[in-house]
C-alpha cells in the first residue's frame, strides 16, 4: 500500500473529513484478478465510501487516450467489462459494502459517514439545483415547467477573464446555455434514476403529469 496515500487519508481523518476512494477499472490489459486486488486494497483502508468507474474509452471519443490505437486494442470487450463489473459488485458485497448507485458503494453500518448527499441529490433534479463552480463548471436549474443548463468556459484563462468582468450586479460566469425541451427534461430525470438503480413510475407521474410507460413504452 502506498505510504503517501495512507498518510493523506489519516491526515484527512484527523481534520474530521470523511474519506471516499475512486477507482477506475477495465483499463487496457487489466485482468479481473487485478481489478479485484485493487478493490481489496481499497477496502483494507476502511473507508466508508468507494466509487468504482468503468473506463470510458472508444474510437471517436475525442480524448487523448482514445486516440491511441494501441490503447483501444488492449481494452476488454463489452462482455468482459460487464462481467468484471459484476465481479466488482459481488466482491464489494462480500466485503461488507452495499451498492447505492451503479458506481457508488457504501460500507454497511457506516450510517451518515457512508452517505454522500450529492449522490442522493443528483437523483432529484426537481428538488435540487446544481451550480457548477470553476472552469467547465456545469449548472442545471429546474422549476416545475422548464430546465436550463449553463456551462462555464472550459479554459482556465477564459474563465478567469470572464470572472474578472463580473461585479456584484452584472455579468455571468457561463458562456453557453441550453433550455431543455420537455422530452430532454424527462430523459435527464430518467438517466439520473438509472444511476440510482431504480425508477419510480409514480414519482415520474407526479413530476410530469404523464404515465411513464405511455412516454417510454
Protein backbone atom coordinates (compact mmCIF):
# COMPACT_ATOMS: atom_id res chain seq x y z
CA UNK A 1 0.00 0.00 0.00
CA UNK A 2 1.33 3.43 -0.95
CA UNK A 3 2.61 5.18 2.19
CA UNK A 4 1.70 8.68 0.98
CA UNK A 5 -1.86 7.55 0.29
CA UNK A 6 -2.23 6.22 3.82
CA UNK A 7 -0.74 9.43 5.25
CA UNK A 8 -3.19 11.54 3.21
CA UNK A 9 -6.17 9.51 4.42
CA UNK A 10 -5.01 9.67 8.04
CA UNK A 11 -4.49 13.45 7.74
CA UNK A 12 -7.97 13.95 6.27
CA UNK A 13 -9.49 11.90 9.08
CA UNK A 14 -7.57 13.94 11.69
CA UNK A 15 -9.31 17.04 10.29
CA UNK A 16 -12.73 15.43 10.61
CA UNK A 17 -13.26 14.71 6.89
CA UNK A 18 -14.98 11.59 5.65
CA UNK A 19 -12.90 9.81 3.04
CA UNK A 20 -14.03 8.42 -0.30
CA UNK A 21 -11.88 6.49 -2.78
CA UNK A 22 -12.41 6.48 -6.56
CA UNK A 23 -11.15 3.59 -8.67
CA UNK A 24 -11.05 3.02 -12.44
CA UNK A 25 -11.43 -0.48 -13.81
CA UNK A 26 -11.39 -2.21 -17.19
CA UNK A 27 -8.16 -0.45 -18.06
CA UNK A 28 -6.02 -1.57 -21.02
CA UNK A 29 -4.66 -5.07 -20.39
CA UNK A 30 -6.09 -5.09 -16.84
CA UNK A 31 -7.20 -8.53 -15.68
CA UNK A 32 -10.19 -9.38 -13.49
CA UNK A 33 -7.76 -10.52 -10.80
CA UNK A 34 -6.03 -7.12 -10.82
CA UNK A 35 -9.36 -5.31 -10.57
CA UNK A 36 -10.40 -7.36 -7.54
CA UNK A 37 -6.97 -6.86 -5.94
CA UNK A 38 -7.49 -3.08 -6.22
CA UNK A 39 -10.92 -3.47 -4.61
CA UNK A 40 -9.44 -5.43 -1.74
CA UNK A 41 -6.71 -2.83 -1.17
CA UNK A 42 -9.31 -0.05 -1.07
CA UNK A 43 -11.45 -1.97 1.43
CA UNK A 44 -8.36 -2.56 3.61
CA UNK A 45 -8.18 1.23 4.10
CA UNK A 46 -11.52 1.04 5.97
CA UNK A 47 -13.14 3.97 4.15
CA UNK A 48 -16.94 4.36 4.31
CA UNK A 49 -17.40 5.11 0.61
CA UNK A 50 -15.83 3.61 -2.53
CA UNK A 51 -16.57 4.54 -6.15
CA UNK A 52 -15.68 2.19 -8.99
CA UNK A 53 -15.91 3.57 -12.52
CA UNK A 54 -15.63 1.74 -15.82
CA UNK A 55 -13.07 3.43 -18.07
CA UNK A 56 -14.89 5.27 -20.86
CA UNK A 57 -12.72 4.80 -23.93
CA UNK A 58 -13.73 4.10 -27.53
CA UNK A 59 -12.76 5.14 -31.03
CA UNK A 60 -14.14 8.60 -31.76
CA UNK A 61 -14.49 9.70 -28.12
CA UNK A 62 -12.02 12.54 -28.68
CA UNK A 63 -9.93 12.20 -25.53
CA UNK A 64 -6.18 11.73 -25.84
CA UNK A 65 -6.23 8.14 -24.59
CA UNK A 66 -9.00 7.25 -27.08
CA UNK A 67 -6.84 8.46 -29.99
CA UNK A 68 -4.18 5.81 -29.34
CA UNK A 69 -4.83 2.65 -31.44
CA UNK A 70 -2.71 0.51 -29.08
CA UNK A 71 -4.84 1.55 -26.12
CA UNK A 72 -8.06 0.71 -27.95
CA UNK A 73 -6.77 -2.75 -28.91
CA UNK A 74 -5.86 -3.53 -25.29
CA UNK A 75 -9.30 -2.71 -23.87
CA UNK A 76 -11.59 -5.54 -22.75
CA UNK A 77 -14.70 -6.30 -24.79
CA UNK A 78 -18.09 -5.03 -23.61
CA UNK A 79 -18.95 -8.54 -22.46
CA UNK A 80 -15.73 -8.78 -20.45
CA UNK A 81 -16.27 -5.31 -18.98
CA UNK A 82 -19.79 -6.24 -17.83
CA UNK A 83 -18.56 -9.47 -16.27
CA UNK A 84 -15.75 -7.61 -14.49
CA UNK A 85 -18.21 -5.07 -13.07
CA UNK A 86 -20.45 -7.89 -11.86
CA UNK A 87 -17.46 -9.33 -10.02
CA UNK A 88 -16.80 -5.88 -8.52
CA UNK A 89 -20.37 -5.77 -7.16
CA UNK A 90 -20.11 -9.30 -5.78
CA UNK A 91 -16.71 -8.71 -4.17
CA UNK A 92 -17.69 -5.43 -2.52
CA UNK A 93 -20.88 -7.04 -1.22
CA UNK A 94 -18.83 -9.92 0.19
CA UNK A 95 -16.50 -7.43 1.88
CA UNK A 96 -19.34 -5.51 3.55
CA UNK A 97 -20.31 -2.76 1.09
CA UNK A 98 -23.69 -2.13 -0.48
CA UNK A 99 -24.36 -0.57 -3.88
CA UNK A 100 -26.02 2.86 -3.60
CA UNK A 101 -25.76 3.61 -7.33
CA UNK A 102 -24.19 1.93 -10.34
CA UNK A 103 -20.78 3.21 -9.27
CA UNK A 104 -21.04 4.05 -5.55
CA UNK A 105 -20.68 1.66 -2.65
CA UNK A 106 -21.35 2.46 0.99
CA UNK A 107 -19.88 0.46 3.85
CA UNK A 108 -22.69 -1.36 5.61
CA UNK A 109 -23.40 0.10 9.03
CA UNK A 110 -21.41 3.29 8.37
CA UNK A 111 -24.56 5.45 8.72
CA UNK A 112 -24.06 9.12 7.96
CA UNK A 113 -20.33 8.55 7.44
CA UNK A 114 -21.09 6.44 4.38
CA UNK A 115 -23.65 8.79 2.83
CA UNK A 116 -22.67 11.34 0.22
CA UNK A 117 -25.54 13.74 -0.24
CA UNK A 118 -24.62 14.69 -3.78
CA UNK A 119 -25.20 11.11 -4.90
CA UNK A 120 -28.72 11.23 -3.49
CA UNK A 121 -29.45 14.81 -4.54
CA UNK A 122 -28.40 14.27 -8.14
CA UNK A 123 -31.35 11.89 -8.49
CA UNK A 124 -33.79 14.67 -7.50
CA UNK A 125 -33.26 17.47 -10.05
CA UNK A 126 -36.87 18.51 -9.44
CA UNK A 127 -35.89 19.42 -5.85
CA UNK A 128 -32.18 20.31 -6.04
CA UNK A 129 -30.46 22.82 -8.33
CA UNK A 130 -26.84 22.18 -9.25
CA UNK A 131 -24.31 25.00 -9.51
CA UNK A 132 -21.02 24.35 -11.31
CA UNK A 133 -18.02 26.30 -9.98
CA UNK A 134 -14.77 26.90 -11.86
CA UNK A 135 -13.63 26.23 -15.44
CA UNK A 136 -16.02 23.92 -17.27
CA UNK A 137 -18.49 24.03 -14.37
CA UNK A 138 -21.99 22.91 -15.37
CA UNK A 139 -25.17 24.14 -13.67
CA UNK A 140 -28.61 22.58 -14.10
CA UNK A 141 -31.60 24.56 -12.81
CA UNK A 142 -35.20 23.34 -12.69
CA UNK A 143 -38.62 24.56 -11.85
CA UNK A 144 -41.99 22.88 -12.43
CA UNK A 145 -42.15 23.63 -16.15
CA UNK A 146 -38.65 24.03 -17.54
CA UNK A 147 -34.97 23.29 -17.01
CA UNK A 148 -31.86 25.09 -18.19
CA UNK A 149 -28.22 24.01 -18.44
CA UNK A 150 -25.38 26.53 -18.07
CA UNK A 151 -21.71 25.86 -18.83
CA UNK A 152 -18.72 27.94 -17.75
CA UNK A 153 -15.75 28.45 -20.12
CA UNK A 154 -13.57 25.34 -20.17
CA UNK A 155 -10.20 27.07 -20.47
CA UNK A 156 -8.91 28.43 -17.16
CA UNK A 157 -7.64 31.61 -18.85
CA UNK A 158 -11.03 32.24 -20.43
CA UNK A 159 -12.82 31.53 -17.14
CA UNK A 160 -10.58 33.99 -15.26
CA UNK A 161 -11.17 36.60 -17.96
CA UNK A 162 -14.94 36.10 -17.73
CA UNK A 163 -14.98 36.27 -13.93
CA UNK A 164 -12.94 39.50 -13.98
CA UNK A 165 -15.84 41.25 -15.74
CA UNK A 166 -18.36 40.36 -13.04
CA UNK A 167 -19.25 42.75 -10.26
CA UNK A 168 -21.96 42.48 -7.65
CA UNK A 169 -24.71 43.46 -10.06
CA UNK A 170 -23.81 42.49 -13.61
CA UNK A 171 -22.27 39.70 -15.63
CA UNK A 172 -22.48 35.90 -15.59
CA UNK A 173 -19.87 33.16 -15.32
CA UNK A 174 -21.22 30.91 -18.07
CA UNK A 175 -20.69 31.22 -21.81
CA UNK A 176 -23.10 28.52 -23.03
CA UNK A 177 -26.72 27.85 -22.13
CA UNK A 178 -29.40 25.42 -23.23
CA UNK A 179 -33.09 25.28 -22.34
CA UNK A 180 -34.24 21.67 -22.24
CA UNK A 181 -37.15 20.63 -24.41
CA UNK A 182 -39.76 18.63 -22.49
CA UNK A 183 -38.53 15.29 -23.84
CA UNK A 184 -34.97 16.26 -22.84
CA UNK A 185 -36.13 17.16 -19.35
CA UNK A 186 -37.77 13.75 -19.00
CA UNK A 187 -34.68 11.95 -20.28
CA UNK A 188 -32.43 13.92 -17.93
CA UNK A 189 -34.58 12.86 -14.98
CA UNK A 190 -34.70 9.23 -16.10
CA UNK A 191 -30.94 8.91 -16.55
CA UNK A 192 -30.44 10.21 -13.01
CA UNK A 193 -32.75 7.46 -11.74
CA UNK A 194 -30.99 4.70 -13.69
CA UNK A 195 -27.75 5.63 -11.93
CA UNK A 196 -29.61 5.04 -8.66
CA UNK A 197 -30.63 1.50 -9.73
CA UNK A 198 -34.39 2.07 -9.85
CA UNK A 199 -37.15 4.21 -11.41
CA UNK A 200 -40.32 5.16 -9.54
CA UNK A 201 -43.22 5.42 -12.05
CA UNK A 202 -45.40 7.22 -9.50
CA UNK A 203 -42.75 9.89 -8.97
CA UNK A 204 -42.44 10.32 -12.74
CA UNK A 205 -46.20 10.83 -12.96
CA UNK A 206 -46.17 13.39 -10.14
CA UNK A 207 -43.46 15.44 -11.85
CA UNK A 208 -44.52 15.25 -15.48
CA UNK A 209 -48.25 14.55 -15.16
CA UNK A 210 -47.84 11.66 -17.58
CA UNK A 211 -47.68 7.86 -17.17
CA UNK A 212 -44.07 6.72 -17.51
CA UNK A 213 -44.88 3.76 -19.76
CA UNK A 214 -47.01 5.88 -22.10
CA UNK A 215 -44.00 8.13 -22.70
CA UNK A 216 -41.36 5.38 -22.71
CA UNK A 217 -43.09 2.12 -23.54
